Amino acid sequence: MRVEIREPDLSSYEPLVRLRMDRLPRLVRKQAEWPFVHRDAMEVCTFHAAYDGDTLLGWANIARWSWFPPGIALINLTVAAAHEGTGVGGALYRTLLETLPDGIETLGTAVDDAETTSLEIARGWGFRVNQHGIESELELTDLPEPVVPDGVTLEDVSSLEFADEEAVEAMLRDSQTNPEAAEGFVSGLEDYRRIAAKVDVEIAALARVDGAPAAIIVGEVEDGILGIAYTGVGRAFRGRGIAVALKQYAHRLAADAGATVCHTMNEEANAGIRRVNAELGYRVTGGMYRLRRPR
């Protein structure tokens, strides 16, 4: 086998998406397509692929969004099952290291928690687990009416436009006490607007308490799947059942838009949102280890 690593032709990225979905059967299409669909909105997004002639052996990419902590970029690397153990992955990884932009000092990646061999390879390359994301899903059928606490109103804000944007932005940032935010991954309204510009149907809902922004949920519907990007409640408004009501409301908005199932991922240690999901009937389907290493 003669391995050639080059930048793939992204005018048709279907072979790369299909390889990743074949390698990770639990992966839904919108997740596999994500770096290709959103690459123009990223600060850094590069791709390399390994070929034997015209046969695709594997591919990898480097990505960095504007809301990432300073100096960190994420890498993804996928090798076809038939070519594992042949050195293709190592060759791709070395190419990524050689092509890292200046200023990147920390590398992040993710490994399916059922992929024990892949986890050992990543550890052999110097990566260490720092989080464990738990994936869960809920069928969007027979959805109940939201149980809305006293003084709380729920709004469809899928346009992501607000008359009191500064107050909503402040609440959104205040709400980010999740483990990802503690690492520096903090997002704002403009970040979600950039994503919304590239998805089929944006879904967002806002809870207010006596008119003040109290909680927000943001996601998108593609191929009949609601993917939740973020759910957060302002710290002053917690403990009132607002998150449960807001997610119930968002589920109904998504179902009206054609979604039949909801997918989400939450850090294992994020007890609050995992308790909310369990109360709503979400079913755990798997997980991903998140890993980091110094450049």
C-alpha atoms as a PDB file:
ATOM      1  CA  MET A   1       0.000   0.000   0.000  1.00  0.00           C
ATOM      2  CA  ARG A   2       1.267   3.443  -0.982  1.00  0.00           C
ATOM      3  CA  VAL A   3      -0.079   6.167   1.289  1.00  0.00           C
ATOM      4  CA  GLU A   4      -0.370   9.694  -0.056  1.00  0.00           C
ATOM      5  CA  ILE A   5      -1.621  12.461   2.233  1.00  0.00           C
ATOM      6  CA  ARG A   6      -3.134  15.505   0.580  1.00  0.00           C
ATOM      7  CA  GLU A   7      -5.906  18.040   0.990  1.00  0.00           C
ATOM      8  CA  PRO A   8      -9.163  16.436  -0.187  1.00  0.00           C
ATOM      9  CA  ASP A   9     -11.457  17.960  -2.787  1.00  0.00           C
ATOM     10  CA  LEU A  10     -14.244  19.423  -0.643  1.00  0.00           C
ATOM     11  CA  SER A  11     -16.527  20.175  -3.584  1.00  0.00           C
ATOM     12  CA  SER A  12     -17.840  16.678  -2.814  1.00  0.00           C
ATOM     13  CA  TYR A  13     -17.139  15.690   0.794  1.00  0.00           C
ATOM     14  CA  GLU A  14     -19.583  12.774   0.803  1.00  0.00           C
ATOM     15  CA  PRO A  15     -16.846  10.077   0.837  1.00  0.00           C
ATOM     16  CA  LEU A  16     -15.344  11.598   3.983  1.00  0.00           C
ATOM     17  CA  VAL A  17     -18.723  11.878   5.710  1.00  0.00           C
ATOM     18  CA  ARG A  18     -19.616   8.314   4.756  1.00  0.00           C
ATOM     19  CA  LEU A  19     -16.295   6.967   6.057  1.00  0.00           C
ATOM     20  CA  ARG A  20     -16.805   8.667   9.412  1.00  0.00           C
ATOM     21  CA  MET A  21     -20.386   7.384   9.695  1.00  0.00           C
ATOM     22  CA  ASP A  22     -19.297   3.859   8.741  1.00  0.00           C
ATOM     23  CA  ARG A  23     -16.587   3.987  11.394  1.00  0.00           C
ATOM     24  CA  LEU A  24     -18.906   5.374  14.092  1.00  0.00           C
ATOM     25  CA  PRO A  25     -22.381   3.899  13.551  1.00  0.00           C
ATOM     26  CA  ARG A  26     -23.981   5.948  16.367  1.00  0.00           C
ATOM     27  CA  LEU A  27     -22.951   9.183  14.677  1.00  0.00           C
ATOM     28  CA  VAL A  28     -25.832  11.031  12.995  1.00  0.00           C
ATOM     29  CA  ARG A  29     -25.261  12.690   9.657  1.00  0.00           C
ATOM     30  CA  LYS A  30     -25.389  16.274  10.871  1.00  0.00           C
ATOM     31  CA  GLN A  31     -22.570  15.494  13.316  1.00  0.00           C
ATOM     32  CA  ALA A  32     -20.442  13.917  10.583  1.00  0.00           C
ATOM     33  CA  GLU A  33     -21.083  16.866   8.253  1.00  0.00           C
ATOM     34  CA  TRP A  34     -20.492  19.543  10.873  1.00  0.00           C
ATOM     35  CA  PRO A  35     -16.906  20.586  10.024  1.00  0.00           C
ATOM     36  CA  PHE A  36     -17.697  20.753   6.308  1.00  0.00           C
ATOM     37  CA  VAL A  37     -20.960  22.694   6.601  1.00  0.00           C
ATOM     38  CA  HIS A  38     -19.567  25.226   9.080  1.00  0.00           C
ATOM     39  CA  ARG A  39     -15.956  25.501   7.921  1.00  0.00           C
ATOM     40  CA  ASP A  40     -16.371  29.038   6.540  1.00  0.00           C
ATOM     41  CA  ALA A  41     -17.487  30.291   9.968  1.00  0.00           C
ATOM     42  CA  MET A  42     -14.484  28.871  11.839  1.00  0.00           C
ATOM     43  CA  GLU A  43     -11.299  30.706  12.696  1.00  0.00           C
ATOM     44  CA  VAL A  44      -9.295  27.605  11.709  1.00  0.00           C
ATOM     45  CA  CYS A  45     -10.553  24.643   9.686  1.00  0.00           C
ATOM     46  CA  THR A  46      -8.182  22.484   7.653  1.00  0.00           C
ATOM     47  CA  PHE A  47      -8.507  18.985   6.197  1.00  0.00           C
ATOM     48  CA  HIS A  48      -6.086  16.237   5.167  1.00  0.00           C
ATOM     49  CA  ALA A  49      -6.882  12.816   3.772  1.00  0.00           C
ATOM     50  CA  ALA A  50      -4.863   9.648   3.175  1.00  0.00           C
ATOM     51  CA  TYR A  51      -5.223   7.813  -0.148  1.00  0.00           C
ATOM     52  CA  ASP A  52      -3.880   4.725  -1.844  1.00  0.00           C
ATOM     53  CA  GLY A  53      -4.394   5.800  -5.436  1.00  0.00           C
ATOM     54  CA  ASP A  54      -8.044   6.847  -5.445  1.00  0.00           C
ATOM     55  CA  THR A  55      -8.964   4.765  -2.394  1.00  0.00           C
ATOM     56  CA  LEU A  56      -9.724   6.841   0.706  1.00  0.00           C
ATOM     57  CA  LEU A  57      -7.942   5.342   3.723  1.00  0.00           C
ATOM     58  CA  GLY A  58      -8.712   7.983   6.328  1.00  0.00           C
ATOM     59  CA  TRP A  59      -8.997  11.697   6.953  1.00  0.00           C
ATOM     60  CA  ALA A  60      -8.414  14.286   9.646  1.00  0.00           C
ATOM     61  CA  ASN A  61      -9.073  17.930  10.349  1.00  0.00           C
ATOM     62  CA  ILE A  62      -8.155  20.788  12.676  1.00  0.00           C
ATOM     63  CA  ALA A  63     -10.900  23.141  13.877  1.00  0.00           C
ATOM     64  CA  ARG A  64     -11.117  26.241  16.023  1.00  0.00           C
ATOM     65  CA  TRP A  65     -14.216  28.373  16.720  1.00  0.00           C
ATOM     66  CA  SER A  66     -14.245  31.970  17.928  1.00  0.00           C
ATOM     67  CA  TRP A  67     -15.588  30.989  21.361  1.00  0.00           C
ATOM     68  CA  PHE A  68     -12.789  28.515  22.084  1.00  0.00           C
ATOM     69  CA  PRO A  69     -10.333  29.375  24.870  1.00  0.00           C
ATOM     70  CA  PRO A  70      -7.138  31.054  23.625  1.00  0.00           C
ATOM     71  CA  GLY A  71      -4.569  28.712  22.122  1.00  0.00           C
ATOM     72  CA  ILE A  72      -6.707  25.573  21.735  1.00  0.00           C
ATOM     73  CA  ALA A  73      -7.812  23.721  18.606  1.00  0.00           C
ATOM     74  CA  LEU A  74      -9.645  20.431  18.204  1.00  0.00           C
ATOM     75  CA  ILE A  75      -8.576  17.612  15.918  1.00  0.00           C
ATOM     76  CA  ASN A  76     -10.618  14.758  14.464  1.00  0.00           C
ATOM     77  CA  LEU A  77      -9.021  11.692  12.896  1.00  0.00           C
ATOM     78  CA  THR A  78     -10.797   8.736  11.282  1.00  0.00           C
ATOM     79  CA  VAL A  79      -9.244   5.659   9.660  1.00  0.00           C
ATOM     80  CA  ALA A  80     -11.217   3.087   7.675  1.00  0.00           C
ATOM     81  CA  ALA A  81     -11.624  -0.117   9.686  1.00  0.00           C
ATOM     82  CA  ALA A  82      -9.927  -2.159   6.951  1.00  0.00           C
ATOM     83  CA  HIS A  83      -6.764  -0.048   7.271  1.00  0.00           C
ATOM     84  CA  GLU A  84      -6.392   0.174  11.040  1.00  0.00           C
ATOM     85  CA  GLY A  85      -2.954  -0.799  12.295  1.00  0.00           C
ATOM     86  CA  THR A  86      -1.228   0.023   9.005  1.00  0.00           C
ATOM     87  CA  GLY A  87       0.233   3.391  10.050  1.00  0.00           C
ATOM     88  CA  VAL A  88      -2.363   5.525   8.248  1.00  0.00           C
ATOM     89  CA  GLY A  89      -3.559   7.149  11.457  1.00  0.00           C
ATOM     90  CA  GLY A  90      -0.040   7.959  12.599  1.00  0.00           C
ATOM     91  CA  ALA A  91       0.821   9.499   9.229  1.00  0.00           C
ATOM     92  CA  LEU A  92      -2.283  11.691   9.350  1.00  0.00           C
ATOM     93  CA  TYR A  93      -1.563  12.723  12.929  1.00  0.00           C
ATOM     94  CA  ARG A  94       2.010  13.744  12.114  1.00  0.00           C
ATOM     95  CA  THR A  95       0.704  15.831   9.213  1.00  0.00           C
ATOM     96  CA  LEU A  96      -1.730  17.605  11.547  1.00  0.00           C
ATOM     97  CA  LEU A  97       1.107  18.446  13.935  1.00  0.00           C
ATOM     98  CA  GLU A  98       3.236  19.772  11.076  1.00  0.00           C
ATOM     99  CA  THR A  99       0.435  22.015   9.801  1.00  0.00           C
ATOM    100  CA  LEU A 100      -0.834  23.449  13.099  1.00  0.00           C
ATOM    101  CA  PRO A 101      -1.214  27.241  12.901  1.00  0.00           C
ATOM    102  CA  ASP A 102       0.962  29.440  15.073  1.00  0.00           C
ATOM    103  CA  GLY A 103      -0.556  30.239  18.444  1.00  0.00           C
ATOM    104  CA  ILE A 104      -2.100  26.808  18.989  1.00  0.00           C
ATOM    105  CA  GLU A 105      -0.638  25.471  22.230  1.00  0.00           C
ATOM    106  CA  THR A 106      -3.232  22.865  23.265  1.00  0.00           C
ATOM    107  CA  LEU A 107      -4.817  20.084  21.214  1.00  0.00           C
ATOM    108  CA  GLY A 108      -8.188  18.564  21.984  1.00  0.00           C
ATOM    109  CA  THR A 109      -9.878  15.509  20.568  1.00  0.00           C
ATOM    110  CA  ALA A 110     -12.734  13.121  21.355  1.00  0.00           C
ATOM    111  CA  VAL A 111     -13.004   9.337  21.343  1.00  0.00           C
ATOM    112  CA  ASP A 112     -16.149   7.223  21.494  1.00  0.00           C
ATOM    113  CA  ASP A 113     -16.164   5.628  24.949  1.00  0.00           C
ATOM    114  CA  ALA A 114     -16.760   2.207  23.378  1.00  0.00           C
ATOM    115  CA  GLU A 115     -13.606   2.527  21.245  1.00  0.00           C
ATOM    116  CA  THR A 116     -11.018   1.184  23.688  1.00  0.00           C
ATOM    117  CA  THR A 117      -8.318   0.742  21.049  1.00  0.00           C
ATOM    118  CA  SER A 118      -8.736   4.312  19.799  1.00  0.00           C
ATOM    119  CA  LEU A 119      -8.530   5.571  23.383  1.00  0.00           C
ATOM    120  CA  GLU A 120      -5.231   3.744  23.923  1.00  0.00           C
ATOM    121  CA  ILE A 121      -3.840   5.157  20.666  1.00  0.00           C
ATOM    122  CA  ALA A 122      -4.778   8.694  21.734  1.00  0.00           C
ATOM    123  CA  ARG A 123      -3.155   8.132  25.118  1.00  0.00           C
ATOM    124  CA  GLY A 124      -0.064   6.851  23.349  1.00  0.00           C
ATOM    125  CA  TRP A 125       0.074  10.147  21.453  1.00  0.00           C
ATOM    126  CA  GLY A 126       0.077  12.027  24.762  1.00  0.00           C
ATOM    127  CA  PHE A 127      -3.620  12.832  25.164  1.00  0.00           C
ATOM    128  CA  ARG A 128      -5.260  12.601  28.589  1.00  0.00           C
ATOM    129  CA  VAL A 129      -8.982  12.388  29.377  1.00  0.00           C
ATOM    130  CA  ASN A 130     -10.352  15.561  30.953  1.00  0.00           C
ATOM    131  CA  GLN A 131     -14.126  15.082  30.466  1.00  0.00           C
ATOM    132  CA  HIS A 132     -16.667  12.394  29.646  1.00  0.00           C
ATOM    133  CA  GLY A 133     -19.620  13.563  27.578  1.00  0.00           C
ATOM    134  CA  ILE A 134     -22.791  11.471  27.960  1.00  0.00           C
ATOM    135  CA  GLU A 135     -25.021  11.231  24.896  1.00  0.00           C
ATOM    136  CA  SER A 136     -28.754  10.818  25.348  1.00  0.00           C
ATOM    137  CA  GLU A 137     -31.890  10.995  23.253  1.00  0.00           C
ATOM    138  CA  LEU A 138     -35.636  11.448  23.582  1.00  0.00           C
ATOM    139  CA  GLU A 139     -38.341  10.452  21.112  1.00  0.00           C
ATOM    140  CA  LEU A 140     -40.477  13.493  20.368  1.00  0.00           C
ATOM    141  CA  THR A 141     -43.848  11.762  20.498  1.00  0.00           C
ATOM    142  CA  ASP A 142     -46.799  12.199  22.874  1.00  0.00           C
ATOM    143  CA  LEU A 143     -45.189  15.361  24.202  1.00  0.00           C
ATOM    144  CA  PRO A 144     -46.754  16.869  27.314  1.00  0.00           C
ATOM    145  CA  GLU A 145     -47.722  20.493  27.737  1.00  0.00           C
ATOM    146  CA  PRO A 146     -44.947  22.344  29.585  1.00  0.00           C
ATOM    147  CA  VAL A 147     -45.551  22.705  33.298  1.00  0.00           C
ATOM    148  CA  VAL A 148     -44.771  26.414  33.667  1.00  0.00           C
ATOM    149  CA  PRO A 149     -43.864  27.734  37.152  1.00  0.00           C
ATOM    150  CA  ASP A 150     -45.646  30.810  38.495  1.00  0.00           C
ATOM    151  CA  GLY A 151     -44.330  34.055  37.069  1.00  0.00           C
ATOM    152  CA  VAL A 152     -42.572  32.298  34.179  1.00  0.00           C
ATOM    153  CA  THR A 153     -43.348  32.865  30.489  1.00  0.00           C
ATOM    154  CA  LEU A 154     -41.907  30.900  27.574  1.00  0.00           C
ATOM    155  CA  GLU A 155     -41.121  32.438  24.178  1.00  0.00           C
ATOM    156  CA  ASP A 156     -40.197  31.073  20.755  1.00  0.00           C
ATOM    157  CA  VAL A 157     -37.030  33.024  19.911  1.00  0.00           C
ATOM    158  CA  SER A 158     -35.831  30.870  17.024  1.00  0.00           C
ATOM    159  CA  SER A 159     -34.957  34.063  15.120  1.00  0.00           C
ATOM    160  CA  LEU A 160     -32.394  34.796  17.864  1.00  0.00           C
ATOM    161  CA  GLU A 161     -33.553  38.416  17.849  1.00  0.00           C
ATOM    162  CA  PHE A 162     -34.315  40.189  21.127  1.00  0.00           C
ATOM    163  CA  ALA A 163     -35.552  43.653  22.035  1.00  0.00           C
ATOM    164  CA  ASP A 164     -33.468  43.423  25.231  1.00  0.00           C
ATOM    165  CA  GLU A 165     -30.439  41.714  23.703  1.00  0.00           C
ATOM    166  CA  GLU A 166     -27.965  42.979  26.294  1.00  0.00           C
ATOM    167  CA  ALA A 167     -30.008  41.453  29.112  1.00  0.00           C
ATOM    168  CA  VAL A 168     -30.382  38.133  27.244  1.00  0.00           C
ATOM    169  CA  GLU A 169     -26.661  38.047  26.443  1.00  0.00           C
ATOM    170  CA  ALA A 170     -25.777  38.748  30.074  1.00  0.00           C
ATOM    171  CA  MET A 171     -28.077  35.955  31.272  1.00  0.00           C
ATOM    172  CA  LEU A 172     -26.673  33.527  28.684  1.00  0.00           C
ATOM    173  CA  ARG A 173     -23.112  34.156  29.830  1.00  0.00           C
ATOM    174  CA  ASP A 174     -24.058  34.077  33.513  1.00  0.00           C
ATOM    175  CA  SER A 175     -25.750  30.706  33.000  1.00  0.00           C
ATOM    176  CA  GLN A 176     -22.594  29.037  31.692  1.00  0.00           C
ATOM    177  CA  THR A 177     -21.347  27.283  34.808  1.00  0.00           C
ATOM    178  CA  ASN A 178     -21.047  23.933  33.000  1.00  0.00           C
ATOM    179  CA  PRO A 179     -17.700  22.061  32.988  1.00  0.00           C
ATOM    180  CA  GLU A 180     -17.043  23.080  29.370  1.00  0.00           C
ATOM    181  CA  ALA A 181     -17.347  26.767  30.316  1.00  0.00           C
ATOM    182  CA  ALA A 182     -15.014  26.220  33.260  1.00  0.00           C
ATOM    183  CA  GLU A 183     -12.429  25.132  30.663  1.00  0.00           C
ATOM    184  CA  GLY A 184     -13.032  28.372  28.748  1.00  0.00           C
ATOM    185  CA  PHE A 185     -15.596  27.315  26.126  1.00  0.00           C
ATOM    186  CA  VAL A 186     -18.044  30.207  26.572  1.00  0.00           C
ATOM    187  CA  SER A 187     -20.461  31.117  23.764  1.00  0.00           C
ATOM    188  CA  GLY A 188     -22.591  34.159  23.005  1.00  0.00           C
ATOM    189  CA  LEU A 189     -25.624  34.935  20.888  1.00  0.00           C
ATOM    190  CA  GLU A 190     -23.534  35.865  17.865  1.00  0.00           C
ATOM    191  CA  ASP A 191     -21.854  32.452  17.919  1.00  0.00           C
ATOM    192  CA  TYR A 192     -25.247  30.743  17.729  1.00  0.00           C
ATOM    193  CA  ARG A 193     -26.340  33.079  14.933  1.00  0.00           C
ATOM    194  CA  ARG A 194     -23.341  32.019  12.842  1.00  0.00           C
ATOM    195  CA  ILE A 195     -24.350  28.382  13.284  1.00  0.00           C
ATOM    196  CA  ALA A 196     -28.014  29.137  12.584  1.00  0.00           C
ATOM    197  CA  ALA A 197     -27.103  30.577   9.191  1.00  0.00           C
ATOM    198  CA  LYS A 198     -26.004  27.111   8.031  1.00  0.00           C
ATOM    199  CA  VAL A 199     -28.681  24.811   9.489  1.00  0.00           C
ATOM    200  CA  ASP A 200     -32.071  23.775   8.137  1.00  0.00           C
ATOM    201  CA  VAL A 201     -34.219  24.972  11.042  1.00  0.00           C
ATOM    202  CA  GLU A 202     -32.989  26.862  14.088  1.00  0.00           C
ATOM    203  CA  ILE A 203     -34.837  26.234  17.356  1.00  0.00           C
ATOM    204  CA  ALA A 204     -34.452  28.546  20.338  1.00  0.00           C
ATOM    205  CA  ALA A 205     -36.656  29.277  23.333  1.00  0.00           C
ATOM    206  CA  LEU A 206     -36.400  31.771  26.165  1.00  0.00           C
ATOM    207  CA  ALA A 207     -37.887  31.709  29.643  1.00  0.00           C
ATOM    208  CA  ARG A 208     -38.611  34.963  31.462  1.00  0.00           C
ATOM    209  CA  VAL A 209     -39.414  35.525  35.111  1.00  0.00           C
ATOM    210  CA  ASP A 210     -41.578  38.625  35.567  1.00  0.00           C
ATOM    211  CA  GLY A 211     -40.253  39.788  32.176  1.00  0.00           C
ATOM    212  CA  ALA A 212     -36.547  39.301  32.924  1.00  0.00           C
ATOM    213  CA  PRO A 213     -34.540  36.782  30.822  1.00  0.00           C
ATOM    214  CA  ALA A 214     -34.044  33.703  33.015  1.00  0.00           C
ATOM    215  CA  ALA A 215     -33.120  30.710  30.795  1.00  0.00           C
ATOM    216  CA  ILE A 216     -32.393  29.829  27.197  1.00  0.00           C
ATOM    217  CA  ILE A 217     -32.166  26.752  24.989  1.00  0.00           C
ATOM    218  CA  VAL A 218     -30.617  26.717  21.507  1.00  0.00           C
ATOM    219  CA  GLY A 219     -30.572  23.918  18.954  1.00  0.00           C
ATOM    220  CA  GLU A 220     -31.331  22.989  15.372  1.00  0.00           C
ATOM    221  CA  VAL A 221     -33.479  20.533  13.430  1.00  0.00           C
ATOM    222  CA  GLU A 222     -31.866  18.639  10.573  1.00  0.00           C
ATOM    223  CA  ASP A 223     -32.967  15.363   9.016  1.00  0.00           C
ATOM    224  CA  GLY A 224     -35.744  15.075  11.596  1.00  0.00           C
ATOM    225  CA  ILE A 225     -33.328  15.347  14.549  1.00  0.00           C
ATOM    226  CA  LEU A 226     -33.318  18.099  17.146  1.00  0.00           C
ATOM    227  CA  GLY A 227     -29.746  18.642  18.264  1.00  0.00           C
ATOM    228  CA  ILE A 228     -29.500  20.748  21.410  1.00  0.00           C
ATOM    229  CA  ALA A 229     -26.417  22.938  21.479  1.00  0.00           C
ATOM    230  CA  TYR A 230     -27.021  24.550  24.858  1.00  0.00           C
ATOM    231  CA  THR A 231     -29.493  24.802  27.723  1.00  0.00           C
ATOM    232  CA  GLY A 232     -28.804  27.212  30.548  1.00  0.00           C
ATOM    233  CA  VAL A 233     -30.580  28.900  33.444  1.00  0.00           C
ATOM    234  CA  GLY A 234     -29.357  32.146  34.990  1.00  0.00           C
ATOM    235  CA  ARG A 235     -27.944  31.511  38.434  1.00  0.00           C
ATOM    236  CA  ALA A 236     -30.508  33.703  40.201  1.00  0.00           C
ATOM    237  CA  PHE A 237     -33.387  31.676  38.707  1.00  0.00           C
ATOM    238  CA  ARG A 238     -32.329  28.114  39.439  1.00  0.00           C
ATOM    239  CA  GLY A 239     -34.255  25.623  41.514  1.00  0.00           C
ATOM    240  CA  ARG A 240     -37.704  26.595  40.159  1.00  0.00           C
ATOM    241  CA  GLY A 241     -38.207  23.917  37.499  1.00  0.00           C
ATOM    242  CA  ILE A 242     -37.594  26.379  34.654  1.00  0.00           C
ATOM    243  CA  ALA A 243     -35.200  24.113  32.720  1.00  0.00           C
ATOM    244  CA  VAL A 244     -37.746  21.280  32.597  1.00  0.00           C
ATOM    245  CA  ALA A 245     -40.495  23.581  31.313  1.00  0.00           C
ATOM    246  CA  LEU A 246     -38.187  25.246  28.786  1.00  0.00           C
ATOM    247  CA  LYS A 247     -36.995  21.929  27.341  1.00  0.00           C
ATOM    248  CA  GLN A 248     -40.595  20.668  27.131  1.00  0.00           C
ATOM    249  CA  TYR A 249     -41.477  23.821  25.196  1.00  0.00           C
ATOM    250  CA  ALA A 250     -38.475  23.446  22.864  1.00  0.00           C
ATOM    251  CA  HIS A 251     -39.361  19.794  22.215  1.00  0.00           C
ATOM    252  CA  ARG A 252     -42.799  20.881  21.003  1.00  0.00           C
ATOM    253  CA  LEU A 253     -41.338  23.615  18.776  1.00  0.00           C
ATOM    254  CA  ALA A 254     -38.980  21.057  17.224  1.00  0.00           C
ATOM    255  CA  ALA A 255     -41.744  18.488  16.724  1.00  0.00           C
ATOM    256  CA  ASP A 256     -43.834  21.134  14.946  1.00  0.00           C
ATOM    257  CA  ALA A 257     -40.794  21.686  12.685  1.00  0.00           C
ATOM    258  CA  GLY A 258     -40.621  17.980  11.801  1.00  0.00           C
ATOM    259  CA  ALA A 259     -38.254  16.568  14.427  1.00  0.00           C
ATOM    260  CA  THR A 260     -39.003  13.063  15.675  1.00  0.00           C
ATOM    261  CA  VAL A 261     -36.091  12.630  18.099  1.00  0.00           C
ATOM    262  CA  CYS A 262     -33.815  14.847  20.191  1.00  0.00           C
ATOM    263  CA  HIS A 263     -30.099  14.247  20.677  1.00  0.00           C
ATOM    264  CA  THR A 264     -27.917  15.964  23.276  1.00  0.00           C
ATOM    265  CA  MET A 265     -24.592  15.508  25.038  1.00  0.00           C
ATOM    266  CA  ASN A 266     -23.738  16.612  28.557  1.00  0.00           C
ATOM    267  CA  GLU A 267     -20.625  16.241  30.662  1.00  0.00           C
ATOM    268  CA  GLU A 268     -20.940  13.334  33.078  1.00  0.00           C
ATOM    269  CA  ALA A 269     -20.257  15.637  36.043  1.00  0.00           C
ATOM    270  CA  ASN A 270     -22.965  18.133  35.009  1.00  0.00           C
ATOM    271  CA  ALA A 271     -25.466  16.771  37.511  1.00  0.00           C
ATOM    272  CA  GLY A 272     -28.068  19.515  37.025  1.00  0.00           C
ATOM    273  CA  ILE A 273     -28.822  19.065  33.330  1.00  0.00           C
ATOM    274  CA  ARG A 274     -28.476  15.293  33.534  1.00  0.00           C
ATOM    275  CA  ARG A 275     -31.103  15.259  36.287  1.00  0.00           C
ATOM    276  CA  VAL A 276     -33.383  17.396  34.097  1.00  0.00           C
ATOM    277  CA  ASN A 277     -32.897  15.028  31.156  1.00  0.00           C
ATOM    278  CA  ALA A 278     -33.667  11.987  33.298  1.00  0.00           C
ATOM    279  CA  GLU A 279     -36.857  13.658  34.558  1.00  0.00           C
ATOM    280  CA  LEU A 280     -37.891  14.302  30.960  1.00  0.00           C
ATOM    281  CA  GLY A 281     -37.326  10.669  29.957  1.00  0.00           C
ATOM    282  CA  TYR A 282     -34.075  10.925  27.990  1.00  0.00           C
ATOM    283  CA  ARG A 283     -32.310   7.613  27.364  1.00  0.00           C
ATOM    284  CA  VAL A 284     -28.507   7.362  27.536  1.00  0.00           C
ATOM    285  CA  THR A 285     -27.139   6.034  24.227  1.00  0.00           C
ATOM    286  CA  GLY A 286     -23.374   6.278  24.672  1.00  0.00           C
ATOM    287  CA  GLY A 287     -20.626   8.728  25.365  1.00  0.00           C
ATOM    288  CA  MET A 288     -17.452  10.426  24.229  1.00  0.00           C
ATOM    289  CA  TYR A 289     -14.209  10.937  26.104  1.00  0.00           C
ATOM    290  CA  ARG A 290     -12.807  14.438  25.625  1.00  0.00           C
ATOM    291  CA  LEU A 291      -9.007  14.561  25.736  1.00  0.00           C
ATOM    292  CA  ARG A 292      -6.305  17.239  25.783  1.00  0.00           C
ATOM    293  CA  ARG A 293      -2.538  17.405  25.303  1.00  0.00           C
ATOM    294  CA  PRO A 294       0.037  20.215  25.065  1.00  0.00           C
ATOM    295  CA  ARG A 295       1.311  20.988  21.602  1.00  0.00           C
END
